[in-house]
Protein backbone atom coordinates (compact mmCIF):
# COMPACT_ATOMS: atom_id res chain seq x y z
CA MET A 1 -10.42 -14.96 -20.70
CA GLY A 2 -9.86 -13.03 -17.57
CA LYS A 3 -12.52 -10.32 -17.52
CA TYR A 4 -12.42 -7.99 -14.35
CA ASN A 5 -14.33 -4.85 -13.43
CA VAL A 6 -12.11 -2.23 -11.80
CA ALA A 7 -14.00 0.68 -10.03
CA VAL A 8 -11.38 3.48 -10.64
CA LEU A 9 -11.39 6.58 -7.84
CA PRO A 10 -8.65 9.19 -9.12
CA GLY A 11 -9.60 11.46 -5.90
CA ASP A 12 -7.93 14.75 -5.17
CA GLY A 13 -4.61 16.63 -5.81
CA ILE A 14 -2.43 14.49 -7.74
CA GLY A 15 -4.44 11.53 -7.89
CA PRO A 16 -6.12 12.23 -11.08
CA GLU A 17 -3.04 12.80 -12.49
CA VAL A 18 -1.38 9.47 -11.25
CA VAL A 19 -4.31 7.42 -11.70
CA ALA A 20 -4.19 8.36 -15.72
CA GLU A 21 -0.77 7.13 -16.21
CA SER A 22 -1.58 3.90 -14.40
CA VAL A 23 -4.63 3.62 -16.55
CA LYS A 24 -2.47 4.29 -19.46
CA VAL A 25 -0.24 1.43 -18.55
CA LEU A 26 -2.87 -0.94 -17.86
CA LEU A 27 -4.46 -0.21 -21.39
CA ALA A 28 -1.24 -0.85 -22.86
CA LEU A 29 -1.61 -4.58 -21.90
CA GLU A 30 -4.23 -5.21 -24.18
CA LYS A 31 -1.69 -5.88 -27.04
CA PRO A 32 0.76 -8.09 -25.21
CA PHE A 33 -1.83 -9.68 -23.14
CA PRO A 34 -5.23 -10.29 -25.41
CA ASN A 35 -6.89 -12.67 -23.28
CA LEU A 36 -6.75 -10.18 -20.13
CA ARG A 37 -9.80 -7.78 -20.34
CA LEU A 38 -10.15 -4.79 -17.77
CA ILE A 39 -13.16 -2.89 -17.81
CA LEU A 40 -12.41 0.51 -15.88
CA ASN A 41 -15.25 2.71 -14.53
CA GLU A 42 -14.35 6.10 -12.70
CA HIS A 43 -16.40 7.00 -9.81
CA ARG A 44 -16.20 10.12 -7.46
CA VAL A 45 -14.52 10.38 -4.15
CA GLY A 46 -12.65 12.83 -1.79
CA ALA A 47 -12.30 16.29 -0.90
CA LYS A 48 -13.99 17.85 -3.85
CA CYS A 49 -16.59 15.31 -4.02
CA TYR A 50 -17.49 16.68 -0.36
CA GLN A 51 -17.76 20.08 -1.44
CA GLU A 52 -19.95 19.60 -4.30
CA THR A 53 -22.23 16.83 -2.73
CA GLY A 54 -21.85 16.76 1.11
CA THR A 55 -19.96 13.19 1.44
CA ASP A 56 -16.60 12.22 0.33
CA LEU A 57 -17.76 8.58 -0.42
CA PRO A 58 -21.21 8.67 -2.09
CA GLU A 59 -23.26 5.47 -1.87
CA GLU A 60 -23.20 5.12 -5.36
CA THR A 61 -19.62 5.02 -5.44
CA LEU A 62 -19.23 2.48 -2.07
CA ASP A 63 -22.01 0.32 -4.13
CA ALA A 64 -19.64 0.41 -7.33
CA CYS A 65 -16.54 -0.66 -5.23
CA ARG A 66 -18.54 -3.58 -3.28
CA ASN A 67 -19.52 -4.77 -7.04
CA ALA A 68 -16.30 -4.51 -8.67
CA ASP A 69 -13.51 -6.97 -8.88
CA ALA A 70 -10.83 -4.79 -7.48
CA VAL A 71 -10.59 -0.71 -6.73
CA LEU A 72 -7.93 1.40 -8.11
CA PHE A 73 -7.83 4.41 -5.83
CA GLY A 74 -5.65 7.48 -6.21
CA SER A 75 -5.15 9.85 -3.49
CA ALA A 76 -7.95 11.71 -1.41
CA GLY A 77 -8.09 14.61 1.08
CA ASP A 78 -7.08 18.38 1.22
CA PRO A 79 -5.85 20.19 4.28
CA SER A 80 -7.85 23.06 3.45
CA VAL A 81 -11.22 20.78 3.38
CA ARG A 82 -12.82 19.69 6.79
CA LEU A 83 -15.64 17.71 7.97
CA GLU A 84 -18.18 19.08 10.58
CA ASP A 85 -15.94 17.65 13.30
CA GLY A 86 -12.70 19.38 12.02
CA SER A 87 -11.27 16.07 10.80
CA GLU A 88 -9.81 16.05 7.32
CA VAL A 89 -11.53 13.87 4.44
CA MET A 90 -10.40 10.52 4.40
CA PRO A 91 -12.68 8.27 2.56
CA GLN A 92 -10.11 5.49 2.27
CA LEU A 93 -10.35 4.80 5.74
CA THR A 94 -14.33 4.39 5.41
CA LEU A 95 -13.57 2.21 2.75
CA ARG A 96 -11.12 -0.07 4.59
CA PHE A 97 -14.45 -0.42 7.46
CA ALA A 98 -16.94 -0.77 5.01
CA LEU A 99 -15.17 -3.61 2.91
CA ASP A 100 -13.37 -5.38 5.99
CA LEU A 101 -9.78 -4.44 4.70
CA TYR A 102 -7.76 -5.81 7.41
CA ALA A 103 -4.40 -6.39 5.86
CA GLY A 104 -2.42 -3.36 4.42
CA ILE A 105 0.17 -4.88 2.22
CA ARG A 106 3.23 -2.43 1.62
CA PRO A 107 5.81 -3.70 -0.80
CA ILE A 108 9.23 -2.19 0.01
CA LYS A 109 11.60 -2.79 -3.12
CA ARG A 110 14.40 -0.74 -4.25
CA TYR A 111 14.89 -0.65 -7.84
CA THR A 112 18.55 -0.35 -9.94
CA GLY A 113 18.91 3.13 -10.64
CA ILE A 114 17.49 4.61 -7.52
CA THR A 115 20.05 5.53 -4.84
CA PRO A 116 18.66 6.83 -1.38
CA LEU A 117 20.61 8.44 1.11
CA LEU A 118 22.20 5.36 2.51
CA THR A 119 25.89 4.87 3.29
CA ALA A 120 25.33 1.89 0.77
CA ASP A 121 22.63 0.39 -1.64
CA PRO A 122 21.73 -3.17 -0.51
CA PRO A 123 19.08 -5.38 -2.17
CA ILE A 124 15.85 -4.32 -0.55
CA ASP A 125 12.57 -6.49 -1.32
CA TYR A 126 10.64 -7.06 1.51
CA VAL A 127 6.73 -6.86 2.61
CA ILE A 128 5.22 -4.91 5.64
CA MET A 129 1.95 -6.58 6.68
CA ARG A 130 -0.29 -3.59 8.50
CA GLU A 131 -3.44 -4.89 10.49
CA ASN A 132 -5.92 -2.24 9.10
CA THR A 133 -8.93 -2.46 11.36
CA GLU A 134 -8.01 -2.15 15.06
CA GLY A 135 -4.87 -1.36 16.86
CA LEU A 136 -4.68 2.12 18.22
CA TYR A 137 -6.70 3.63 15.11
CA ALA A 138 -9.64 1.88 16.52
CA SER A 139 -9.90 4.81 18.54
CA ARG A 140 -10.20 7.21 15.70
CA GLY A 141 -13.31 9.40 16.28
CA GLY A 142 -14.05 7.45 19.95
CA GLY A 143 -11.17 9.04 22.01
CA VAL A 144 -11.98 10.71 25.29
CA ARG A 145 -10.94 13.97 26.09
CA LEU A 146 -11.52 15.11 30.16
CA ALA A 147 -11.65 18.76 30.09
CA ASP A 148 -8.21 20.45 29.38
CA ASP A 149 -6.29 17.75 31.46
CA MET A 150 -6.16 14.66 29.70
CA ALA A 151 -7.06 12.77 26.31
CA VAL A 152 -7.22 9.15 26.41
CA ASP A 153 -7.51 6.84 22.88
CA SER A 154 -7.36 2.68 23.34
CA MET A 155 -5.40 0.45 21.56
CA VAL A 156 -7.66 -2.47 20.56
CA ILE A 157 -6.09 -6.08 19.67
CA THR A 158 -8.18 -8.90 19.16
CA ARG A 159 -7.59 -12.54 18.50
CA LYS A 160 -9.51 -12.86 15.39
CA GLY A 161 -7.68 -9.32 13.98
CA THR A 162 -4.10 -10.72 14.91
CA GLU A 163 -4.60 -14.18 13.80
CA ARG A 164 -5.61 -13.49 10.40
CA ILE A 165 -2.95 -10.77 9.56
CA VAL A 166 -0.12 -12.96 10.90
CA LYS A 167 -1.48 -15.67 8.83
CA TYR A 168 -1.59 -13.70 5.80
CA ALA A 169 1.97 -12.55 6.40
CA PHE A 170 2.96 -16.20 6.84
CA GLU A 171 1.21 -17.21 3.72
CA ILE A 172 3.02 -14.10 1.81
CA ALA A 173 6.24 -15.42 2.98
CA ASN A 174 5.31 -18.73 1.51
CA GLN A 175 5.12 -17.21 -2.04
CA ARG A 176 8.40 -15.34 -1.89
CA SER A 177 11.97 -16.05 -2.32
CA GLY A 178 13.27 -15.28 1.25
CA ALA A 179 15.33 -12.13 2.75
CA PRO A 180 17.93 -10.55 0.04
CA ARG A 181 20.88 -11.10 2.27
CA ASP A 182 20.50 -14.90 3.23
CA GLY A 183 17.64 -16.36 1.07
CA LYS A 184 15.72 -17.28 4.17
CA ARG A 185 11.90 -16.99 4.49
CA ARG A 186 10.76 -15.29 7.68
CA VAL A 187 8.29 -13.22 9.53
CA THR A 188 9.40 -10.28 11.64
CA CYS A 189 6.86 -9.58 14.42
CA VAL A 190 7.13 -5.46 15.17
CA ASP A 191 5.83 -4.74 18.25
CA LYS A 192 6.09 -3.28 21.85
CA ALA A 193 5.51 -6.31 23.81
CA ASN A 194 8.08 -5.06 26.67
CA VAL A 195 5.61 -2.11 27.36
CA LEU A 196 2.17 -2.73 26.72
CA LYS A 197 0.00 -5.59 27.43
CA SER A 198 -1.70 -5.65 24.09
CA GLN A 199 1.10 -5.66 22.42
CA ALA A 200 2.54 -8.63 24.55
CA TYR A 201 -0.88 -10.14 23.27
CA PHE A 202 -0.11 -9.43 19.73
CA ARG A 203 2.99 -11.06 19.88
CA GLU A 204 1.61 -14.22 21.90
CA ILE A 205 -0.74 -14.63 18.87
CA TYR A 206 1.69 -14.18 16.50
CA ASN A 207 3.71 -16.93 18.13
CA GLU A 208 0.65 -19.13 18.32
CA VAL A 209 0.21 -19.12 14.33
CA ALA A 210 4.13 -19.20 13.66
CA GLU A 211 3.84 -22.75 14.95
CA GLY A 212 1.75 -23.52 11.90
CA TYR A 213 4.51 -22.65 9.55
CA PRO A 214 7.42 -24.41 10.86
CA ASN A 215 9.50 -23.88 7.50
CA THR A 216 9.28 -19.91 8.11
CA GLU A 217 11.79 -18.63 10.64
CA ARG A 218 10.48 -16.48 13.29
CA ASP A 219 11.85 -13.00 13.99
CA TYR A 220 11.04 -10.46 16.50
CA ALA A 221 11.88 -6.58 16.87
CA TYR A 222 10.73 -3.83 19.14
CA VAL A 223 9.43 -1.22 16.86
CA ASP A 224 11.59 1.48 18.14
CA ALA A 225 14.60 -0.65 17.27
CA TYR A 226 13.26 -1.78 13.90
CA THR A 227 13.31 1.91 12.82
CA VAL A 228 17.23 1.69 13.02
CA TYR A 229 17.46 -1.84 11.61
CA GLN A 230 15.47 -0.99 8.58
CA VAL A 231 17.55 1.62 7.88
CA ALA A 232 20.95 -0.22 8.54
CA ARG A 233 20.14 -3.65 7.29
CA PRO A 234 16.91 -3.72 5.25
CA ASP A 235 18.19 -6.57 3.44
CA THR A 236 17.65 -8.83 6.25
CA TYR A 237 13.84 -8.67 6.10
CA ASP A 238 11.24 -10.64 4.11
CA VAL A 239 7.82 -10.35 5.69
CA VAL A 240 7.14 -7.65 8.40
CA VAL A 241 4.01 -7.70 10.43
CA ALA A 242 2.82 -5.01 12.71
CA GLU A 243 -0.22 -3.49 14.30
CA ASN A 244 -1.97 -0.44 12.69
CA MET A 245 -0.14 2.36 13.94
CA PHE A 246 3.23 1.06 14.17
CA GLY A 247 2.60 -0.35 10.54
CA ASP A 248 1.74 2.92 9.22
CA ILE A 249 4.83 4.69 10.35
CA ILE A 250 7.36 1.62 9.64
CA SER A 251 6.06 1.64 6.14
CA ASP A 252 6.63 5.34 5.61
CA LEU A 253 10.02 5.05 6.84
CA ALA A 254 10.66 2.04 4.88
CA ALA A 255 9.68 3.99 1.74
CA GLY A 256 12.24 6.49 2.34
CA THR A 257 14.89 3.90 1.70
CA ILE A 258 13.69 3.04 -1.52
CA GLY A 259 13.28 6.35 -2.90
CA GLY A 260 10.28 7.79 -1.28
CA LEU A 261 6.53 7.69 -1.21
CA GLY A 262 6.41 7.81 -4.64
CA MET A 263 8.07 4.57 -4.98
CA ALA A 264 5.78 2.72 -2.56
CA PRO A 265 2.65 1.01 -3.69
CA SER A 266 0.02 -0.38 -1.30
CA ALA A 267 -2.87 -2.64 -0.99
CA ASP A 268 -5.60 -2.95 1.27
CA VAL A 269 -7.50 -6.16 1.10
CA GLY A 270 -9.87 -8.62 3.08
CA ASP A 271 -10.98 -12.04 2.27
CA ARG A 272 -13.46 -10.54 -0.43
CA TYR A 273 -12.50 -6.83 -1.51
CA GLY A 274 -9.30 -5.20 -2.57
CA VAL A 275 -8.20 -1.60 -3.08
CA PHE A 276 -4.94 -0.77 -4.56
CA GLN A 277 -3.35 2.91 -4.26
CA PRO A 278 -0.25 4.65 -3.83
CA SER A 279 1.28 5.05 -0.38
CA HIS A 280 1.41 8.65 -0.90
CA GLY A 281 -1.22 11.68 -0.31
CA THR A 282 -2.66 14.19 -2.42
CA ALA A 283 0.40 16.71 -2.70
CA PRO A 284 -1.74 19.52 -3.31
CA ASP A 285 1.65 21.85 -3.65
CA ILE A 286 2.35 20.21 -6.69
CA SER A 287 -0.88 19.22 -8.16
CA GLY A 288 -1.79 20.05 -11.66
CA GLU A 289 2.09 20.83 -12.51
CA GLY A 290 2.31 17.44 -14.04
CA ILE A 291 5.56 16.63 -11.88
CA ALA A 292 4.20 13.97 -9.50
CA ASN A 293 5.88 10.68 -9.66
CA PRO A 294 3.41 8.03 -11.01
CA VAL A 295 5.40 5.00 -10.20
CA ALA A 296 3.86 4.02 -6.90
CA GLN A 297 0.58 4.30 -8.57
CA ILE A 298 1.65 2.14 -11.47
CA LEU A 299 3.02 -0.50 -9.44
CA SER A 300 -0.07 -0.33 -7.31
CA ALA A 301 -2.03 -1.41 -10.73
CA GLY A 302 0.64 -4.00 -11.01
CA MET A 303 -0.43 -5.35 -7.24
CA MET A 304 -4.00 -5.66 -8.21
CA LEU A 305 -3.32 -7.62 -11.42
CA SER A 306 -1.24 -10.10 -9.33
CA TRP A 307 -4.08 -10.14 -6.36
CA LEU A 308 -6.62 -11.02 -9.10
CA GLY A 309 -4.73 -13.34 -10.83
CA GLU A 310 -3.92 -15.18 -7.47
CA ARG A 311 -7.57 -15.27 -6.32
CA ASN A 312 -8.94 -16.34 -10.05
CA GLU A 313 -6.04 -18.36 -10.74
CA ASP A 314 -5.42 -16.34 -13.94
CA GLU A 315 -1.87 -16.93 -15.21
CA ASP A 316 -2.67 -14.01 -17.71
CA ALA A 317 -3.27 -11.40 -14.98
CA LYS A 318 -0.25 -12.85 -12.88
CA ALA A 319 2.07 -12.39 -16.04
CA ALA A 320 0.72 -9.05 -16.79
CA ALA A 321 1.57 -7.96 -13.16
CA HIS A 322 4.94 -9.16 -13.57
CA ALA A 323 5.51 -7.18 -16.83
CA ILE A 324 4.73 -4.03 -15.35
CA ASP A 325 7.02 -4.46 -12.26
CA GLN A 326 9.92 -5.53 -14.81
CA ALA A 327 8.94 -2.39 -17.13
CA VAL A 328 9.15 -0.28 -14.40
CA GLY A 329 12.67 -1.59 -13.29
CA ARG A 330 13.88 -1.13 -16.87
CA ILE A 331 12.45 2.63 -17.31
CA LEU A 332 14.06 3.40 -13.71
CA SER A 333 17.52 2.30 -14.58
CA SER A 334 17.87 5.52 -16.74
CA LYS A 335 17.87 8.78 -15.00
CA THR A 336 15.65 10.30 -17.90
CA SER A 337 12.56 8.58 -16.62
CA HIS A 338 13.45 9.94 -13.06
CA THR A 339 10.51 12.64 -11.92
CA GLY A 340 11.81 15.48 -9.64
CA ASP A 341 11.78 13.60 -6.35
CA LEU A 342 14.34 11.43 -7.48
CA GLY A 343 16.52 14.17 -8.95
CA GLY A 344 15.50 13.89 -12.34
CA SER A 345 13.08 16.17 -14.61
CA ALA A 346 10.65 13.68 -16.24
CA LYS A 347 7.33 14.60 -16.16
CA THR A 348 4.22 12.50 -14.67
CA SER A 349 3.04 11.79 -18.45
CA ASP A 350 7.10 10.95 -19.39
CA VAL A 351 7.10 8.16 -16.79
CA GLY A 352 3.52 6.80 -18.00
CA ASP A 353 4.40 6.89 -21.45
CA ALA A 354 7.86 5.20 -20.89
CA VAL A 355 6.26 2.28 -18.81
CA ALA A 356 3.65 1.72 -21.70
CA SER A 357 6.14 1.77 -24.12
CA GLU A 358 8.10 -1.04 -22.47
CA LEU A 359 4.84 -3.14 -22.56
């Protein structure tokens, strides 16, 4: 029997609304998967928490995350709430470093019935692997400003950090069926190796790691050109690996090709811990209106089950993850389950109800 303790962090804005729907879906798994038991415990995090307690990530919440089997995160932050240094509340970044969540996994999949603004609607099904703990973002809070004339941030690329994310990318490719266009397993290295020494080093390590995976095709793209390719021919990609900032940017662009950030789940994982959350933010402009798209949050819950299943060799958890993906695919084929961002009029709860009913 699979029994898992899940720390649930609803957060701010639309976070609690979409998390409620993902919890609804997880609870709906009890009947079809009686051997899968999920113990869900909510904890405080985010901007509202900061206003009330003076911290956006209380120690008890961090301890709960460390002691949980997985973390289901909503969204956190509020542009009107700032830390003492003027930056926004971003506890998700604190979690990444505290739990060493070095791999940012962003599945990019277009479901039937979702037709973004493309000249055609090719099959899109690939994974972006973003290095989470270094790169240019390692400079966050540590950049240098020299009077009013100059500001400097540093891009950090280490052998350890690059090796482990590239290895993870190739391992993910080994579990997949290849790119939709040709069925070939490939890992695309997206970088700026033609300009920056740090990026050339990233590619050098990529090539070294790739030697250990002779049955997976190597592929390369400079990040500026890649932004064209992922719109023009996204069906040629299987797994993509990139430095932190580049991975951040191309993940959001990729979301636009599958219907927007409301369709884009994500996972931040390390060797021990996993945090699963949608790619979108708190969307304070629509918070409380009941119109947010919960699909990304629901799919993130599915990713959580898949990860738990792989780690624990739990076939029920893996089957439940697949069931969520299939249920989402079925309900999205009808516009009656499309929220406003997809051109429909469904409410947040309508989508959650529909997915739960499919299960």
